[in-house]
Amino acid sequence: MPPGILLIGGGILVLVLVIVLILMLAGGRRGEEDRLEELNSLIESEWTAGPQDAVKVGQGRSARELMAERLDSALAKRGLAGNIRSQLRKADLKLTVSEYLVLHLATAALGGLIAFALRQNPALAGVGAIIGLFAPRVFVSFKQRARLHAFEDQLADILNLWVNSLRAGFSVPQAMESVAREAPTPSADEFKRVVAEISIGIPFETALNNMLSRIESEDLDLVFTAVNIQREVGGNLAEILDVISHTIRERVRIKGEIRTLTASGRATGTLISMLPIALALFLLFLRPEYMGQLFYGPEGGGAYIPGLPIPCGWPIVALGLIMIAIAWGVIKRITDIEV
């Protein structure tokens, strides 16, 4: 068997062992995320199986579903599993924790195999496996940001709809139900969930906090704070929400202007940060024997660190990535102006 295939197989085995070790060390008691997961399961299910349905339910599930359910039950006792469920919930992805972890391993193996098939280079295969390992997490983060931005863009119009419902004589829960029917996605999905939680007996404030845990928006936090205060001390909630709606519209407008003014700086920071990495990958594909001197010792044309059997290229690459990350963070901090 070629040594490259053995290297890829060993790398995948190491990844599996690392993930299993993290799950074993991240044990903890069930917390708020587990409670929210149980609540989501209760709300999303259209019926609850009774004793007479136990046989039918077991027969109707495939072996994959039963295995995934057992694995999710085992992972539910680990603190890391709750964090993963929270991230998937914020991105509105219908994946279980076990499916998400298996997806990491699958993309890592696929990335390693594709990179190795292109150049038959074990070092390049390792780079491809690392990129594939982090690809699902990057996709989840992208979905979270897109969903949050879509919700914040809709929030001002949602508040206007809420205000009109209150002025028409609806109560707060009835007005939220009207918003759930009329609002677009993702706002409609979130308000439907809040209405469903209230309808099954969850306290109103708890249902709002659950929504905040899924939509981490400062504007939404401001709205729910005003609603909770109004329920405590009274007042005209329609007028309060109308003022908040105007404030949110102004904040969205100012944020848009700031993003336009800082677009050049953000693009420059991204380009400068990605250019060395892209150039290194290009050279690794084009001249693998030249770039291989960074990752191999004298037998591969490189050199060891004096006194250590470690190729000189590894600490150089690590130092370069650290400096790139620091520079990107500084540029992002400068261009990220809070409103």
C-alpha atoms as a PDB file:
ATOM      1  CA  MET A   1       0.000   0.000   0.000  1.00  0.00           C
ATOM      2  CA  PRO A   2       1.397   3.488  -0.866  1.00  0.00           C
ATOM      3  CA  PRO A   3       2.757   5.434   2.138  1.00  0.00           C
ATOM      4  CA  GLY A   4       0.482   8.365   1.297  1.00  0.00           C
ATOM      5  CA  ILE A   5      -2.646   6.257   1.790  1.00  0.00           C
ATOM      6  CA  LEU A   6      -1.256   4.996   5.098  1.00  0.00           C
ATOM      7  CA  LEU A   7      -0.585   8.585   6.160  1.00  0.00           C
ATOM      8  CA  ILE A   8      -4.121   9.692   5.301  1.00  0.00           C
ATOM      9  CA  GLY A   9      -5.606   6.699   7.115  1.00  0.00           C
ATOM     10  CA  GLY A  10      -3.476   7.404  10.170  1.00  0.00           C
ATOM     11  CA  GLY A  11      -4.491  11.058  10.137  1.00  0.00           C
ATOM     12  CA  ILE A  12      -8.185  10.198   9.971  1.00  0.00           C
ATOM     13  CA  LEU A  13      -7.749   7.735  12.864  1.00  0.00           C
ATOM     14  CA  VAL A  14      -6.022  10.420  14.916  1.00  0.00           C
ATOM     15  CA  LEU A  15      -8.889  12.854  14.202  1.00  0.00           C
ATOM     16  CA  VAL A  16     -11.430  10.286  15.370  1.00  0.00           C
ATOM     17  CA  LEU A  17      -9.476   9.604  18.552  1.00  0.00           C
ATOM     18  CA  VAL A  18      -9.107  13.337  19.280  1.00  0.00           C
ATOM     19  CA  ILE A  19     -12.842  13.966  18.883  1.00  0.00           C
ATOM     20  CA  VAL A  20     -13.706  10.990  21.090  1.00  0.00           C
ATOM     21  CA  LEU A  21     -11.229  12.193  23.720  1.00  0.00           C
ATOM     22  CA  ILE A  22     -12.713  15.701  23.688  1.00  0.00           C
ATOM     23  CA  LEU A  23     -16.196  14.291  24.166  1.00  0.00           C
ATOM     24  CA  MET A  24     -15.019  12.155  27.074  1.00  0.00           C
ATOM     25  CA  LEU A  25     -13.288  15.073  28.777  1.00  0.00           C
ATOM     26  CA  ALA A  26     -16.117  17.529  28.154  1.00  0.00           C
ATOM     27  CA  GLY A  27     -18.615  15.677  30.318  1.00  0.00           C
ATOM     28  CA  GLY A  28     -20.990  17.726  32.376  1.00  0.00           C
ATOM     29  CA  ARG A  29     -24.498  17.756  33.683  1.00  0.00           C
ATOM     30  CA  ARG A  30     -27.370  18.712  31.474  1.00  0.00           C
ATOM     31  CA  GLY A  31     -28.007  22.449  31.376  1.00  0.00           C
ATOM     32  CA  GLU A  32     -30.083  25.013  29.570  1.00  0.00           C
ATOM     33  CA  GLU A  33     -29.187  23.720  26.100  1.00  0.00           C
ATOM     34  CA  ASP A  34     -30.522  20.267  26.940  1.00  0.00           C
ATOM     35  CA  ARG A  35     -33.733  21.806  28.232  1.00  0.00           C
ATOM     36  CA  LEU A  36     -34.136  23.839  25.047  1.00  0.00           C
ATOM     37  CA  GLU A  37     -33.487  20.730  22.955  1.00  0.00           C
ATOM     38  CA  GLU A  38     -36.214  18.822  24.787  1.00  0.00           C
ATOM     39  CA  LEU A  39     -38.547  21.773  24.357  1.00  0.00           C
ATOM     40  CA  ASN A  40     -37.820  21.932  20.615  1.00  0.00           C
ATOM     41  CA  SER A  41     -38.542  18.235  20.263  1.00  0.00           C
ATOM     42  CA  LEU A  42     -41.845  18.708  22.062  1.00  0.00           C
ATOM     43  CA  ILE A  43     -42.883  21.671  19.930  1.00  0.00           C
ATOM     44  CA  GLU A  44     -41.793  20.252  16.565  1.00  0.00           C
ATOM     45  CA  SER A  45     -43.480  16.885  17.054  1.00  0.00           C
ATOM     46  CA  GLU A  46     -47.100  16.652  15.925  1.00  0.00           C
ATOM     47  CA  TRP A  47     -47.918  13.753  18.235  1.00  0.00           C
ATOM     48  CA  THR A  48     -46.497  11.935  21.215  1.00  0.00           C
ATOM     49  CA  ALA A  49     -46.099   8.184  21.003  1.00  0.00           C
ATOM     50  CA  GLY A  50     -47.925   6.219  23.663  1.00  0.00           C
ATOM     51  CA  PRO A  51     -47.340   2.651  24.855  1.00  0.00           C
ATOM     52  CA  GLN A  52     -49.511   1.263  22.089  1.00  0.00           C
ATOM     53  CA  ASP A  53     -47.349   3.005  19.489  1.00  0.00           C
ATOM     54  CA  ALA A  54     -43.986   1.780  20.789  1.00  0.00           C
ATOM     55  CA  VAL A  55     -43.786  -1.189  18.452  1.00  0.00           C
ATOM     56  CA  LYS A  56     -44.823   0.858  15.427  1.00  0.00           C
ATOM     57  CA  VAL A  57     -42.271   3.559  16.186  1.00  0.00           C
ATOM     58  CA  GLY A  58     -39.451   1.041  16.535  1.00  0.00           C
ATOM     59  CA  GLN A  59     -40.432  -0.708  13.330  1.00  0.00           C
ATOM     60  CA  GLY A  60     -40.775   2.518  11.383  1.00  0.00           C
ATOM     61  CA  ARG A  61     -37.217   3.689  12.056  1.00  0.00           C
ATOM     62  CA  SER A  62     -34.207   2.608  10.091  1.00  0.00           C
ATOM     63  CA  ALA A  63     -31.046   1.220  11.655  1.00  0.00           C
ATOM     64  CA  ARG A  64     -29.275   4.516  10.926  1.00  0.00           C
ATOM     65  CA  GLU A  65     -31.932   6.527  12.777  1.00  0.00           C
ATOM     66  CA  LEU A  66     -31.852   4.210  15.776  1.00  0.00           C
ATOM     67  CA  MET A  67     -28.055   4.343  15.911  1.00  0.00           C
ATOM     68  CA  ALA A  68     -28.080   8.141  15.614  1.00  0.00           C
ATOM     69  CA  GLU A  69     -30.662   8.383  18.402  1.00  0.00           C
ATOM     70  CA  ARG A  70     -28.565   6.212  20.724  1.00  0.00           C
ATOM     71  CA  LEU A  71     -25.435   8.218  19.951  1.00  0.00           C
ATOM     72  CA  ASP A  72     -27.255  11.514  20.520  1.00  0.00           C
ATOM     73  CA  SER A  73     -28.542  10.218  23.860  1.00  0.00           C
ATOM     74  CA  ALA A  74     -24.975   9.393  24.884  1.00  0.00           C
ATOM     75  CA  LEU A  75     -23.661  12.762  23.701  1.00  0.00           C
ATOM     76  CA  ALA A  76     -26.479  14.597  25.506  1.00  0.00           C
ATOM     77  CA  LYS A  77     -24.636  13.994  28.755  1.00  0.00           C
ATOM     78  CA  ARG A  78     -21.570  15.855  27.485  1.00  0.00           C
ATOM     79  CA  GLY A  79     -21.143  19.617  27.718  1.00  0.00           C
ATOM     80  CA  LEU A  80     -19.742  19.851  24.182  1.00  0.00           C
ATOM     81  CA  ALA A  81     -22.905  18.326  22.734  1.00  0.00           C
ATOM     82  CA  GLY A  82     -25.027  21.140  24.166  1.00  0.00           C
ATOM     83  CA  ASN A  83     -22.793  23.762  22.559  1.00  0.00           C
ATOM     84  CA  ILE A  84     -23.005  22.010  19.185  1.00  0.00           C
ATOM     85  CA  ARG A  85     -26.805  21.850  19.403  1.00  0.00           C
ATOM     86  CA  SER A  86     -26.858  25.566  20.197  1.00  0.00           C
ATOM     87  CA  GLN A  87     -24.776  26.389  17.116  1.00  0.00           C
ATOM     88  CA  LEU A  88     -26.953  24.216  14.863  1.00  0.00           C
ATOM     89  CA  ARG A  89     -30.105  25.785  16.289  1.00  0.00           C
ATOM     90  CA  LYS A  90     -28.819  29.304  15.595  1.00  0.00           C
ATOM     91  CA  ALA A  91     -28.069  28.299  11.995  1.00  0.00           C
ATOM     92  CA  ASP A  92     -31.485  26.555  11.687  1.00  0.00           C
ATOM     93  CA  LEU A  93     -29.881  23.339  10.440  1.00  0.00           C
ATOM     94  CA  LYS A  94     -31.831  20.114  10.965  1.00  0.00           C
ATOM     95  CA  LEU A  95     -28.825  18.020  11.980  1.00  0.00           C
ATOM     96  CA  THR A  96     -28.181  15.961  15.069  1.00  0.00           C
ATOM     97  CA  VAL A  97     -24.943  16.220  17.029  1.00  0.00           C
ATOM     98  CA  SER A  98     -23.752  12.826  15.798  1.00  0.00           C
ATOM     99  CA  GLU A  99     -24.505  13.711  12.169  1.00  0.00           C
ATOM    100  CA  TYR A 100     -22.610  16.982  12.560  1.00  0.00           C
ATOM    101  CA  LEU A 101     -19.531  15.238  13.986  1.00  0.00           C
ATOM    102  CA  VAL A 102     -19.629  12.537  11.316  1.00  0.00           C
ATOM    103  CA  LEU A 103     -19.858  15.287   8.691  1.00  0.00           C
ATOM    104  CA  HIS A 104     -16.583  16.734  10.008  1.00  0.00           C
ATOM    105  CA  LEU A 105     -14.851  13.373   9.611  1.00  0.00           C
ATOM    106  CA  ALA A 106     -16.354  12.810   6.158  1.00  0.00           C
ATOM    107  CA  THR A 107     -15.287  16.222   4.816  1.00  0.00           C
ATOM    108  CA  ALA A 108     -11.806  15.784   6.340  1.00  0.00           C
ATOM    109  CA  ALA A 109     -11.382  12.392   4.656  1.00  0.00           C
ATOM    110  CA  LEU A 110     -12.775  13.729   1.369  1.00  0.00           C
ATOM    111  CA  GLY A 111     -10.518  16.784   1.421  1.00  0.00           C
ATOM    112  CA  GLY A 112      -7.461  14.651   2.157  1.00  0.00           C
ATOM    113  CA  LEU A 113      -8.244  12.166  -0.596  1.00  0.00           C
ATOM    114  CA  ILE A 114      -8.914  14.873  -3.182  1.00  0.00           C
ATOM    115  CA  ALA A 115      -5.707  16.734  -2.330  1.00  0.00           C
ATOM    116  CA  PHE A 116      -3.690  13.515  -2.437  1.00  0.00           C
ATOM    117  CA  ALA A 117      -5.234  12.495  -5.764  1.00  0.00           C
ATOM    118  CA  LEU A 118      -4.199  15.807  -7.324  1.00  0.00           C
ATOM    119  CA  ARG A 119      -0.490  15.695  -6.530  1.00  0.00           C
ATOM    120  CA  GLN A 120       0.250  12.411  -4.695  1.00  0.00           C
ATOM    121  CA  ASN A 121       1.770  14.504  -1.903  1.00  0.00           C
ATOM    122  CA  PRO A 122       1.193  13.463   1.749  1.00  0.00           C
ATOM    123  CA  ALA A 123       1.804  17.009   3.013  1.00  0.00           C
ATOM    124  CA  LEU A 124      -0.776  18.369   0.590  1.00  0.00           C
ATOM    125  CA  ALA A 125      -3.183  15.623   1.668  1.00  0.00           C
ATOM    126  CA  GLY A 126      -2.778  16.750   5.271  1.00  0.00           C
ATOM    127  CA  VAL A 127      -3.594  20.335   4.295  1.00  0.00           C
ATOM    128  CA  GLY A 128      -6.685  19.136   2.426  1.00  0.00           C
ATOM    129  CA  ALA A 129      -7.805  17.081   5.447  1.00  0.00           C
ATOM    130  CA  ILE A 130      -7.448  20.087   7.750  1.00  0.00           C
ATOM    131  CA  ILE A 131      -9.438  22.306   5.369  1.00  0.00           C
ATOM    132  CA  GLY A 132     -12.136  19.648   5.091  1.00  0.00           C
ATOM    133  CA  LEU A 133     -12.259  19.248   8.874  1.00  0.00           C
ATOM    134  CA  PHE A 134     -13.106  22.914   9.400  1.00  0.00           C
ATOM    135  CA  ALA A 135     -15.388  23.283   6.358  1.00  0.00           C
ATOM    136  CA  PRO A 136     -18.648  22.315   8.198  1.00  0.00           C
ATOM    137  CA  ARG A 137     -17.909  24.769  11.009  1.00  0.00           C
ATOM    138  CA  VAL A 138     -17.291  27.573   8.521  1.00  0.00           C
ATOM    139  CA  PHE A 139     -20.564  26.746   6.762  1.00  0.00           C
ATOM    140  CA  VAL A 140     -22.490  26.786  10.062  1.00  0.00           C
ATOM    141  CA  SER A 141     -20.978  30.169  10.960  1.00  0.00           C
ATOM    142  CA  PHE A 142     -21.933  31.524   7.539  1.00  0.00           C
ATOM    143  CA  LYS A 143     -25.520  30.310   7.983  1.00  0.00           C
ATOM    144  CA  GLN A 144     -25.701  31.880  11.433  1.00  0.00           C
ATOM    145  CA  ARG A 145     -24.541  35.277  10.195  1.00  0.00           C
ATOM    146  CA  ALA A 146     -26.853  35.193   7.180  1.00  0.00           C
ATOM    147  CA  ARG A 147     -29.850  34.268   9.326  1.00  0.00           C
ATOM    148  CA  LEU A 148     -29.043  36.927  11.930  1.00  0.00           C
ATOM    149  CA  HIS A 149     -28.626  39.643   9.298  1.00  0.00           C
ATOM    150  CA  ALA A 150     -31.893  38.641   7.620  1.00  0.00           C
ATOM    151  CA  PHE A 151     -33.722  38.812  10.953  1.00  0.00           C
ATOM    152  CA  GLU A 152     -32.258  42.210  11.857  1.00  0.00           C
ATOM    153  CA  ASP A 153     -33.230  43.613   8.459  1.00  0.00           C
ATOM    154  CA  GLN A 154     -36.829  42.457   9.055  1.00  0.00           C
ATOM    155  CA  LEU A 155     -37.069  43.564  12.680  1.00  0.00           C
ATOM    156  CA  ALA A 156     -38.248  47.137  12.057  1.00  0.00           C
ATOM    157  CA  ASP A 157     -41.085  45.968   9.780  1.00  0.00           C
ATOM    158  CA  ILE A 158     -41.981  43.252  12.288  1.00  0.00           C
ATOM    159  CA  LEU A 159     -42.295  45.857  15.041  1.00  0.00           C
ATOM    160  CA  ASN A 160     -44.612  47.946  12.842  1.00  0.00           C
ATOM    161  CA  LEU A 161     -46.799  44.888  12.327  1.00  0.00           C
ATOM    162  CA  TRP A 162     -46.715  44.201  16.062  1.00  0.00           C
ATOM    163  CA  VAL A 163     -47.671  47.806  16.845  1.00  0.00           C
ATOM    164  CA  ASN A 164     -50.581  47.752  14.397  1.00  0.00           C
ATOM    165  CA  SER A 165     -51.884  44.531  15.958  1.00  0.00           C
ATOM    166  CA  LEU A 166     -51.707  46.030  19.455  1.00  0.00           C
ATOM    167  CA  ARG A 167     -53.517  49.163  18.342  1.00  0.00           C
ATOM    168  CA  ALA A 168     -56.195  46.953  16.795  1.00  0.00           C
ATOM    169  CA  GLY A 169     -56.950  45.607  20.275  1.00  0.00           C
ATOM    170  CA  PHE A 170     -54.913  42.387  20.312  1.00  0.00           C
ATOM    171  CA  SER A 171     -53.109  41.218  23.412  1.00  0.00           C
ATOM    172  CA  VAL A 172     -49.330  40.777  23.332  1.00  0.00           C
ATOM    173  CA  PRO A 173     -49.461  36.992  22.631  1.00  0.00           C
ATOM    174  CA  GLN A 174     -52.183  37.511  20.006  1.00  0.00           C
ATOM    175  CA  ALA A 175     -50.098  40.246  18.366  1.00  0.00           C
ATOM    176  CA  MET A 176     -47.099  37.915  18.293  1.00  0.00           C
ATOM    177  CA  GLU A 177     -49.266  35.237  16.692  1.00  0.00           C
ATOM    178  CA  SER A 178     -50.299  37.747  14.035  1.00  0.00           C
ATOM    179  CA  VAL A 179     -46.616  38.525  13.412  1.00  0.00           C
ATOM    180  CA  ALA A 180     -45.908  34.787  13.084  1.00  0.00           C
ATOM    181  CA  ARG A 181     -48.574  34.519  10.372  1.00  0.00           C
ATOM    182  CA  GLU A 182     -47.620  37.611   8.389  1.00  0.00           C
ATOM    183  CA  ALA A 183     -43.847  37.950   8.774  1.00  0.00           C
ATOM    184  CA  PRO A 184     -41.353  36.418   6.321  1.00  0.00           C
ATOM    185  CA  THR A 185     -38.745  33.794   7.159  1.00  0.00           C
ATOM    186  CA  PRO A 186     -36.784  33.607   9.484  1.00  0.00           C
ATOM    187  CA  SER A 187     -38.823  35.960  11.663  1.00  0.00           C
ATOM    188  CA  ALA A 188     -42.007  33.957  11.192  1.00  0.00           C
ATOM    189  CA  ASP A 189     -40.305  30.729  12.299  1.00  0.00           C
ATOM    190  CA  GLU A 190     -38.985  32.282  15.492  1.00  0.00           C
ATOM    191  CA  PHE A 191     -42.265  33.934  16.475  1.00  0.00           C
ATOM    192  CA  LYS A 192     -44.161  30.723  15.725  1.00  0.00           C
ATOM    193  CA  ARG A 193     -41.845  28.919  18.118  1.00  0.00           C
ATOM    194  CA  VAL A 194     -42.430  31.544  20.817  1.00  0.00           C
ATOM    195  CA  VAL A 195     -46.206  31.306  20.381  1.00  0.00           C
ATOM    196  CA  ALA A 196     -46.014  27.507  20.538  1.00  0.00           C
ATOM    197  CA  GLU A 197     -43.961  27.629  23.740  1.00  0.00           C
ATOM    198  CA  ILE A 198     -46.443  29.996  25.381  1.00  0.00           C
ATOM    199  CA  SER A 199     -49.368  27.808  24.294  1.00  0.00           C
ATOM    200  CA  ILE A 200     -47.941  24.737  26.073  1.00  0.00           C
ATOM    201  CA  GLY A 201     -47.463  26.611  29.345  1.00  0.00           C
ATOM    202  CA  ILE A 202     -43.941  28.016  29.131  1.00  0.00           C
ATOM    203  CA  PRO A 203     -43.742  31.395  30.961  1.00  0.00           C
ATOM    204  CA  PHE A 204     -43.806  34.374  28.637  1.00  0.00           C
ATOM    205  CA  GLU A 205     -40.437  35.738  29.768  1.00  0.00           C
ATOM    206  CA  THR A 206     -38.805  32.309  29.426  1.00  0.00           C
ATOM    207  CA  ALA A 207     -40.113  31.950  25.864  1.00  0.00           C
ATOM    208  CA  LEU A 208     -38.612  35.331  24.975  1.00  0.00           C
ATOM    209  CA  ASN A 209     -35.272  34.365  26.537  1.00  0.00           C
ATOM    210  CA  ASN A 210     -35.296  31.139  24.527  1.00  0.00           C
ATOM    211  CA  MET A 211     -35.745  33.152  21.355  1.00  0.00           C
ATOM    212  CA  LEU A 212     -32.847  35.404  22.376  1.00  0.00           C
ATOM    213  CA  SER A 213     -30.652  32.328  22.796  1.00  0.00           C
ATOM    214  CA  ARG A 214     -31.359  31.468  19.141  1.00  0.00           C
ATOM    215  CA  ILE A 215     -31.203  35.040  17.767  1.00  0.00           C
ATOM    216  CA  GLU A 216     -28.364  36.918  19.468  1.00  0.00           C
ATOM    217  CA  SER A 217     -29.418  40.389  18.380  1.00  0.00           C
ATOM    218  CA  GLU A 218     -28.934  43.533  20.452  1.00  0.00           C
ATOM    219  CA  ASP A 219     -31.973  45.120  18.825  1.00  0.00           C
ATOM    220  CA  LEU A 220     -34.152  42.133  19.714  1.00  0.00           C
ATOM    221  CA  ASP A 221     -32.805  42.225  23.263  1.00  0.00           C
ATOM    222  CA  LEU A 222     -33.871  45.874  23.468  1.00  0.00           C
ATOM    223  CA  VAL A 223     -37.367  44.998  22.242  1.00  0.00           C
ATOM    224  CA  PHE A 224     -37.849  42.134  24.696  1.00  0.00           C
ATOM    225  CA  THR A 225     -36.489  44.230  27.570  1.00  0.00           C
ATOM    226  CA  ALA A 226     -39.106  46.870  26.808  1.00  0.00           C
ATOM    227  CA  VAL A 227     -41.845  44.214  26.625  1.00  0.00           C
ATOM    228  CA  ASN A 228     -40.834  42.684  29.968  1.00  0.00           C
ATOM    229  CA  ILE A 229     -40.670  46.110  31.654  1.00  0.00           C
ATOM    230  CA  GLN A 230     -44.092  47.017  30.287  1.00  0.00           C
ATOM    231  CA  ARG A 231     -45.528  43.784  31.695  1.00  0.00           C
ATOM    232  CA  GLU A 232     -44.026  44.675  35.086  1.00  0.00           C
ATOM    233  CA  VAL A 233     -44.962  48.368  35.408  1.00  0.00           C
ATOM    234  CA  GLY A 234     -47.583  48.866  32.703  1.00  0.00           C
ATOM    235  CA  GLY A 235     -47.743  51.519  30.003  1.00  0.00           C
ATOM    236  CA  ASN A 236     -48.570  51.847  26.329  1.00  0.00           C
ATOM    237  CA  LEU A 237     -46.581  49.074  24.674  1.00  0.00           C
ATOM    238  CA  ALA A 238     -47.607  50.166  21.172  1.00  0.00           C
ATOM    239  CA  GLU A 239     -46.000  53.586  21.591  1.00  0.00           C
ATOM    240  CA  ILE A 240     -42.881  52.064  23.140  1.00  0.00           C
ATOM    241  CA  LEU A 241     -42.436  49.624  20.255  1.00  0.00           C
ATOM    242  CA  ASP A 242     -43.097  52.411  17.757  1.00  0.00           C
ATOM    243  CA  VAL A 243     -40.239  54.452  19.216  1.00  0.00           C
ATOM    244  CA  ILE A 244     -37.961  51.398  19.267  1.00  0.00           C
ATOM    245  CA  SER A 245     -38.869  50.665  15.645  1.00  0.00           C
ATOM    246  CA  HIS A 246     -37.805  54.167  14.630  1.00  0.00           C
ATOM    247  CA  THR A 247     -34.560  53.774  16.602  1.00  0.00           C
ATOM    248  CA  ILE A 248     -33.807  50.433  14.964  1.00  0.00           C
ATOM    249  CA  ARG A 249     -34.432  51.871  11.498  1.00  0.00           C
ATOM    250  CA  GLU A 250     -31.953  54.655  12.190  1.00  0.00           C
ATOM    251  CA  ARG A 251     -29.390  52.162  13.515  1.00  0.00           C
ATOM    252  CA  VAL A 252     -29.774  49.996  10.408  1.00  0.00           C
ATOM    253  CA  ARG A 253     -29.304  53.060   8.198  1.00  0.00           C
ATOM    254  CA  ILE A 254     -26.190  54.169  10.071  1.00  0.00           C
ATOM    255  CA  LYS A 255     -24.780  50.631  10.036  1.00  0.00           C
ATOM    256  CA  GLY A 256     -25.262  50.533   6.270  1.00  0.00           C
ATOM    257  CA  GLU A 257     -23.398  53.813   5.852  1.00  0.00           C
ATOM    258  CA  ILE A 258     -20.567  52.601   8.086  1.00  0.00           C
ATOM    259  CA  ARG A 259     -20.272  49.327   6.148  1.00  0.00           C
ATOM    260  CA  THR A 260     -20.045  51.323   2.936  1.00  0.00           C
ATOM    261  CA  LEU A 261     -17.324  53.588   4.312  1.00  0.00           C
ATOM    262  CA  THR A 262     -15.301  50.701   5.774  1.00  0.00           C
ATOM    263  CA  ALA A 263     -15.746  48.329   2.812  1.00  0.00           C
ATOM    264  CA  SER A 264     -12.335  49.222   1.389  1.00  0.00           C
ATOM    265  CA  GLY A 265     -10.565  48.588   4.696  1.00  0.00           C
ATOM    266  CA  ARG A 266     -12.323  45.264   5.244  1.00  0.00           C
ATOM    267  CA  ALA A 267     -11.576  44.118   1.709  1.00  0.00           C
ATOM    268  CA  THR A 268      -7.928  45.117   2.114  1.00  0.00           C
ATOM    269  CA  GLY A 269      -7.646  43.218   5.400  1.00  0.00           C
ATOM    270  CA  THR A 270      -9.200  40.096   3.906  1.00  0.00           C
ATOM    271  CA  LEU A 271      -7.015  40.262   0.793  1.00  0.00           C
ATOM    272  CA  ILE A 272      -3.803  40.790   2.748  1.00  0.00           C
ATOM    273  CA  SER A 273      -4.681  37.951   5.138  1.00  0.00           C
ATOM    274  CA  MET A 274      -5.642  35.441   2.444  1.00  0.00           C
ATOM    275  CA  LEU A 275      -2.930  36.297  -0.103  1.00  0.00           C
ATOM    276  CA  PRO A 276      -0.012  34.513   1.663  1.00  0.00           C
ATOM    277  CA  ILE A 277      -2.133  31.417   2.293  1.00  0.00           C
ATOM    278  CA  ALA A 278      -3.424  31.334  -1.287  1.00  0.00           C
ATOM    279  CA  LEU A 279       0.092  31.838  -2.658  1.00  0.00           C
ATOM    280  CA  ALA A 280       1.452  29.010  -0.463  1.00  0.00           C
ATOM    281  CA  LEU A 281      -1.298  26.629  -1.606  1.00  0.00           C
ATOM    282  CA  PHE A 282      -0.705  27.602  -5.241  1.00  0.00           C
ATOM    283  CA  LEU A 283       3.017  26.881  -4.945  1.00  0.00           C
ATOM    284  CA  LEU A 284       2.259  23.642  -3.110  1.00  0.00           C
ATOM    285  CA  PHE A 285       0.168  22.499  -6.073  1.00  0.00           C
ATOM    286  CA  LEU A 286       2.558  23.866  -8.700  1.00  0.00           C
ATOM    287  CA  ARG A 287       5.918  22.926  -7.163  1.00  0.00           C
ATOM    288  CA  PRO A 288       5.345  20.394  -4.370  1.00  0.00           C
ATOM    289  CA  GLU A 289       9.041  19.422  -4.250  1.00  0.00           C
ATOM    290  CA  TYR A 290       9.989  23.074  -3.689  1.00  0.00           C
ATOM    291  CA  MET A 291       7.434  23.696  -0.935  1.00  0.00           C
ATOM    292  CA  GLY A 292       8.139  20.250   0.534  1.00  0.00           C
ATOM    293  CA  GLN A 293      11.462  21.587   1.846  1.00  0.00           C
ATOM    294  CA  LEU A 294       9.442  23.360   4.553  1.00  0.00           C
ATOM    295  CA  PHE A 295       7.908  20.158   5.862  1.00  0.00           C
ATOM    296  CA  TYR A 296      10.719  17.616   5.493  1.00  0.00           C
ATOM    297  CA  GLY A 297      14.186  17.184   6.893  1.00  0.00           C
ATOM    298  CA  PRO A 298      17.460  16.775   4.980  1.00  0.00           C
ATOM    299  CA  GLU A 299      16.106  13.664   3.253  1.00  0.00           C
ATOM    300  CA  GLY A 300      13.519  15.859   1.524  1.00  0.00           C
ATOM    301  CA  GLY A 301      15.803  18.777   0.777  1.00  0.00           C
ATOM    302  CA  GLY A 302      15.001  20.713   3.950  1.00  0.00           C
ATOM    303  CA  ALA A 303      16.694  21.084   7.329  1.00  0.00           C
ATOM    304  CA  TYR A 304      16.001  20.313  10.977  1.00  0.00           C
ATOM    305  CA  ILE A 305      15.865  22.798  13.838  1.00  0.00           C
ATOM    306  CA  PRO A 306      19.295  22.684  15.506  1.00  0.00           C
ATOM    307  CA  GLY A 307      19.126  20.102  18.271  1.00  0.00           C
ATOM    308  CA  LEU A 308      15.578  18.947  17.430  1.00  0.00           C
ATOM    309  CA  PRO A 309      14.317  16.429  14.857  1.00  0.00           C
ATOM    310  CA  ILE A 310      11.715  18.910  13.602  1.00  0.00           C
ATOM    311  CA  PRO A 311      11.802  20.462  10.107  1.00  0.00           C
ATOM    312  CA  CYS A 312      12.438  24.190  10.174  1.00  0.00           C
ATOM    313  CA  GLY A 313       9.373  24.900   8.053  1.00  0.00           C
ATOM    314  CA  TRP A 314       6.798  23.909  10.660  1.00  0.00           C
ATOM    315  CA  PRO A 315       7.590  26.663  13.225  1.00  0.00           C
ATOM    316  CA  ILE A 316       7.976  29.155  10.368  1.00  0.00           C
ATOM    317  CA  VAL A 317       4.518  28.304   9.026  1.00  0.00           C
ATOM    318  CA  ALA A 318       3.013  28.409  12.529  1.00  0.00           C
ATOM    319  CA  LEU A 319       4.582  31.816  13.239  1.00  0.00           C
ATOM    320  CA  GLY A 320       3.349  33.145   9.914  1.00  0.00           C
ATOM    321  CA  LEU A 321      -0.229  31.969  10.563  1.00  0.00           C
ATOM    322  CA  ILE A 322      -0.182  33.515  14.041  1.00  0.00           C
ATOM    323  CA  MET A 323       1.002  36.865  12.672  1.00  0.00           C
ATOM    324  CA  ILE A 324      -1.613  36.755   9.901  1.00  0.00           C
ATOM    325  CA  ALA A 325      -4.343  36.045  12.464  1.00  0.00           C
ATOM    326  CA  ILE A 326      -3.180  38.932  14.665  1.00  0.00           C
ATOM    327  CA  ALA A 327      -3.102  41.346  11.727  1.00  0.00           C
ATOM    328  CA  TRP A 328      -6.545  40.248  10.539  1.00  0.00           C
ATOM    329  CA  GLY A 329      -7.941  40.668  14.056  1.00  0.00           C
ATOM    330  CA  VAL A 330      -6.490  44.189  14.376  1.00  0.00           C
ATOM    331  CA  ILE A 331      -7.903  45.269  10.996  1.00  0.00           C
ATOM    332  CA  LYS A 332     -11.290  43.759  11.858  1.00  0.00           C
ATOM    333  CA  ARG A 333     -11.263  45.582  15.192  1.00  0.00           C
ATOM    334  CA  ILE A 334     -10.523  48.896  13.509  1.00  0.00           C
ATOM    335  CA  THR A 335     -13.228  48.533  10.854  1.00  0.00           C
ATOM    336  CA  ASP A 336     -15.855  47.129  13.246  1.00  0.00           C
ATOM    337  CA  ILE A 337     -17.494  50.322  14.510  1.00  0.00           C
ATOM    338  CA  GLU A 338     -20.333  49.822  16.975  1.00  0.00           C
ATOM    339  CA  VAL A 339     -23.492  51.896  16.646  1.00  0.00           C
END
